[in-house]
Amino acid sequence: MGSLLLVGAGLKTQAWFEQVFKGRDRTKSGDTASSAGLYLVSVGYPDDCGILFGPAAVTLLSHSI
C-alpha cells in the first residue's frame, strides 16, 4: 500500500512500482501502511468470469449443503 501511495503522490513512477513488485524485495518498497480504518466495501466480477455472486450464489450454496 505504501508503494502505491508513493506512485499516486508522484514521488515514484509506475515502472519503479512494477520493478519493486516483480523483484519481491520488501526492503526496496514503500513503507507498509497501517490497516487501521480499512474495510472491504464490495467485491465485483465481470459477467463473463463464471463466478457466481449475490442471490444466485446463495441459492447454489444452500442446495449443495
C-alpha atoms as a PDB file:
ATOM      1  CA  MET A   1       0.000   0.000   0.000  1.00  0.00           C
ATOM      2  CA  GLY A   2       2.808   2.406   0.834  1.00  0.00           C
ATOM      3  CA  SER A   3       4.365   1.892  -2.595  1.00  0.00           C
ATOM      4  CA  LEU A   4       1.071   2.694  -4.302  1.00  0.00           C
ATOM      5  CA  LEU A   5       0.781   5.860  -2.232  1.00  0.00           C
ATOM      6  CA  LEU A   6       4.230   6.937  -3.430  1.00  0.00           C
ATOM      7  CA  VAL A   7       3.232   6.408  -7.062  1.00  0.00           C
ATOM      8  CA  GLY A   8      -0.087   8.205  -6.538  1.00  0.00           C
ATOM      9  CA  ALA A   9       1.705  11.182  -4.995  1.00  0.00           C
ATOM     10  CA  GLY A  10       4.039  11.364  -7.999  1.00  0.00           C
ATOM     11  CA  LEU A  11       7.112  10.541  -5.917  1.00  0.00           C
ATOM     12  CA  LYS A  12       7.777   7.251  -7.725  1.00  0.00           C
ATOM     13  CA  THR A  13       6.913   6.001 -11.211  1.00  0.00           C
ATOM     14  CA  GLN A  14       4.739   3.108 -12.288  1.00  0.00           C
ATOM     15  CA  ALA A  15       7.874   1.484 -13.735  1.00  0.00           C
ATOM     16  CA  TRP A  16       9.502   1.684 -10.291  1.00  0.00           C
ATOM     17  CA  PHE A  17       6.475   0.021  -8.718  1.00  0.00           C
ATOM     18  CA  GLU A  18       6.492  -2.781 -11.294  1.00  0.00           C
ATOM     19  CA  GLN A  19      10.200  -3.391 -10.708  1.00  0.00           C
ATOM     20  CA  VAL A  20       9.778  -3.480  -6.917  1.00  0.00           C
ATOM     21  CA  PHE A  21       6.713  -5.714  -7.144  1.00  0.00           C
ATOM     22  CA  LYS A  22       8.344  -8.195  -9.517  1.00  0.00           C
ATOM     23  CA  GLY A  23      11.586  -8.166  -7.503  1.00  0.00           C
ATOM     24  CA  ARG A  24       9.734  -9.263  -4.349  1.00  0.00           C
ATOM     25  CA  ASP A  25      12.218  -7.423  -2.111  1.00  0.00           C
ATOM     26  CA  ARG A  26      10.260  -5.586   0.591  1.00  0.00           C
ATOM     27  CA  THR A  27      13.319  -3.531   1.549  1.00  0.00           C
ATOM     28  CA  LYS A  28      13.014  -1.703  -1.785  1.00  0.00           C
ATOM     29  CA  SER A  29       9.302  -0.901  -1.397  1.00  0.00           C
ATOM     30  CA  GLY A  30       7.493   1.949   0.303  1.00  0.00           C
ATOM     31  CA  ASP A  31       6.527   1.813   3.960  1.00  0.00           C
ATOM     32  CA  THR A  32       3.806  -0.607   4.993  1.00  0.00           C
ATOM     33  CA  ALA A  33       0.607   1.348   5.511  1.00  0.00           C
ATOM     34  CA  SER A  34      -1.457   0.835   8.641  1.00  0.00           C
ATOM     35  CA  SER A  35      -4.634  -1.177   8.163  1.00  0.00           C
ATOM     36  CA  ALA A  36      -6.491   0.982  10.679  1.00  0.00           C
ATOM     37  CA  GLY A  37      -9.733   2.167   9.132  1.00  0.00           C
ATOM     38  CA  LEU A  38      -9.556  -0.065   6.054  1.00  0.00           C
ATOM     39  CA  TYR A  39     -12.570  -2.205   5.263  1.00  0.00           C
ATOM     40  CA  LEU A  40     -13.952  -4.091   2.288  1.00  0.00           C
ATOM     41  CA  VAL A  41     -16.796  -2.211   0.616  1.00  0.00           C
ATOM     42  CA  SER A  42     -17.679  -4.619  -2.162  1.00  0.00           C
ATOM     43  CA  VAL A  43     -16.411  -7.294  -4.496  1.00  0.00           C
ATOM     44  CA  GLY A  44     -17.320  -7.371  -8.158  1.00  0.00           C
ATOM     45  CA  TYR A  45     -16.541  -9.723 -11.000  1.00  0.00           C
ATOM     46  CA  PRO A  46     -17.026  -9.359 -14.763  1.00  0.00           C
ATOM     47  CA  ASP A  47     -20.121 -11.187 -16.012  1.00  0.00           C
ATOM     48  CA  ASP A  48     -18.035 -13.458 -18.230  1.00  0.00           C
ATOM     49  CA  CYS A  49     -15.689 -14.749 -15.499  1.00  0.00           C
ATOM     50  CA  GLY A  50     -18.041 -17.551 -14.410  1.00  0.00           C
ATOM     51  CA  ILE A  51     -18.039 -16.640 -10.715  1.00  0.00           C
ATOM     52  CA  LEU A  52     -21.471 -16.606  -9.108  1.00  0.00           C
ATOM     53  CA  PHE A  53     -22.244 -13.974  -6.503  1.00  0.00           C
ATOM     54  CA  GLY A  54     -25.335 -12.439  -4.986  1.00  0.00           C
ATOM     55  CA  PRO A  55     -28.653 -14.331  -4.756  1.00  0.00           C
ATOM     56  CA  ALA A  56     -27.628 -16.918  -7.375  1.00  0.00           C
ATOM     57  CA  ALA A  57     -24.599 -17.955  -5.331  1.00  0.00           C
ATOM     58  CA  VAL A  58     -26.600 -18.141  -2.106  1.00  0.00           C
ATOM     59  CA  THR A  59     -29.180 -20.380  -3.797  1.00  0.00           C
ATOM     60  CA  LEU A  60     -26.468 -22.632  -5.230  1.00  0.00           C
ATOM     61  CA  LEU A  61     -24.658 -22.903  -1.900  1.00  0.00           C
ATOM     62  CA  SER A  62     -27.813 -23.639   0.093  1.00  0.00           C
ATOM     63  CA  HIS A  63     -28.658 -26.543  -2.246  1.00  0.00           C
ATOM     64  CA  SER A  64     -25.170 -28.046  -2.017  1.00  0.00           C
ATOM     65  CA  ILE A  65     -25.119 -28.318   1.800  1.00  0.00           C
END
